[in-house]
Protein backbone atom coordinates (compact mmCIF):
# COMPACT_ATOMS: atom_id res chain seq x y z
CA MET A 1 -12.62 -1.06 10.40
CA ASP A 2 -10.42 -2.03 7.70
CA ILE A 3 -10.06 1.19 5.66
CA PHE A 4 -10.18 4.85 6.61
CA VAL A 5 -10.61 7.25 3.54
CA ALA A 6 -9.54 10.60 4.85
CA GLY A 7 -9.99 12.67 1.77
CA PHE A 8 -10.53 16.24 1.58
CA PRO A 9 -14.30 17.46 0.71
CA LYS A 10 -14.93 17.74 -3.18
CA THR A 11 -12.01 15.44 -3.97
CA GLY A 12 -14.03 12.46 -5.46
CA THR A 13 -14.65 10.44 -2.29
CA THR A 14 -18.24 10.13 -3.20
CA ALA A 15 -17.34 8.75 -6.66
CA LEU A 16 -14.98 6.44 -5.35
CA SER A 17 -17.28 5.14 -2.61
CA GLU A 18 -20.07 4.59 -5.50
CA HIS A 19 -17.44 2.60 -7.42
CA LEU A 20 -16.26 0.58 -4.43
CA ARG A 21 -19.90 -0.23 -3.59
CA LYS A 22 -20.07 -2.45 -6.85
CA ASN A 23 -17.20 -4.52 -5.47
CA LYS A 24 -18.29 -7.47 -3.51
CA SER A 25 -15.16 -7.45 -1.41
CA ALA A 26 -15.86 -3.91 0.06
CA PHE A 27 -18.60 -2.65 2.28
CA ILE A 28 -19.51 0.97 2.62
CA PRO A 29 -22.51 1.49 4.82
CA SER A 30 -25.51 3.82 4.06
CA VAL A 31 -24.01 6.36 6.25
CA LYS A 32 -20.93 6.94 4.10
CA GLU A 33 -19.50 9.67 6.32
CA PRO A 34 -20.23 8.65 9.82
CA HIS A 35 -17.59 11.29 11.27
CA TYR A 36 -17.39 9.42 14.47
CA PHE A 37 -13.69 9.65 15.37
CA GLY A 38 -12.12 12.80 16.77
CA SER A 39 -13.60 14.69 19.63
CA ASP A 40 -12.77 18.08 17.63
CA ILE A 41 -14.92 16.91 14.74
CA ARG A 42 -17.70 15.15 16.45
CA SER A 43 -20.14 18.13 15.79
CA PHE A 44 -20.53 16.70 12.20
CA SER A 45 -21.75 13.39 13.40
CA SER A 46 -25.08 11.91 14.59
CA ILE A 47 -23.10 8.75 15.78
CA THR A 48 -21.92 9.40 19.30
CA ASN A 49 -20.88 6.12 20.49
CA ALA A 50 -19.01 3.09 19.52
CA LYS A 51 -22.12 0.65 19.50
CA ASP A 52 -23.89 3.02 17.00
CA TYR A 53 -20.73 3.19 14.83
CA LEU A 54 -20.31 -0.53 14.83
CA HIS A 55 -24.05 -1.07 14.01
CA ILE A 56 -23.80 0.69 10.56
CA TYR A 57 -21.45 -1.99 9.72
CA LYS A 58 -23.33 -4.97 10.78
CA ARG A 59 -24.66 -5.94 7.38
CA ALA A 60 -20.88 -6.47 6.37
CA ARG A 61 -19.94 -10.08 5.48
CA ASN A 62 -16.95 -11.67 6.95
CA ARG A 63 -14.32 -11.09 4.04
CA GLN A 64 -15.66 -7.70 3.17
CA LYS A 65 -13.41 -4.77 3.95
CA LYS A 66 -15.21 -2.25 5.82
CA ILE A 67 -14.54 1.37 4.76
CA ASP A 68 -15.13 4.55 6.54
CA PHE A 69 -15.32 7.64 3.99
CA SER A 70 -15.52 10.44 6.55
CA THR A 71 -13.85 13.38 4.92
CA SER A 72 -13.67 15.46 8.14
CA TYR A 73 -10.78 13.13 9.41
CA CYS A 74 -8.36 14.87 7.21
CA CYS A 75 -9.19 17.95 9.20
CA SER A 76 -8.79 16.72 12.83
CA THR A 77 -6.27 17.93 15.09
CA PHE A 78 -6.32 14.72 17.16
CA GLU A 79 -4.63 12.15 14.89
CA LYS A 80 -3.59 10.30 17.82
CA GLU A 81 -6.84 10.13 19.37
CA LEU A 82 -8.22 9.02 15.99
CA TYR A 83 -5.71 6.11 15.78
CA ASN A 84 -6.25 5.07 19.52
CA GLN A 85 -10.06 5.27 19.16
CA ALA A 86 -9.94 3.27 16.01
CA LEU A 87 -7.88 0.61 17.64
CA GLU A 88 -10.20 0.04 20.41
CA ILE A 89 -13.11 -0.45 17.82
CA ILE A 90 -11.19 -2.82 15.65
CA GLU A 91 -9.84 -4.91 18.56
CA LYS A 92 -13.43 -5.44 19.82
């Protein structure tokens, strides 16, 4: 992932994602808020493994920035876990 937008709910993340979808250098998957990272917030997510998480970004072109708009990340108490899991995904 290139960018995580960990905004709070009801702060305009949907408007921002809709605006960025018009930009050819950005890729936002159809699942705008996958809520994959952070074991304390996974109850929000239907995506439970890295393979499924990466799958929602498979249509991104090489130069497009992949963006995750999961608002629940701002509420996670496992910031270090979020960071480490994200690094594992990014490095693959």
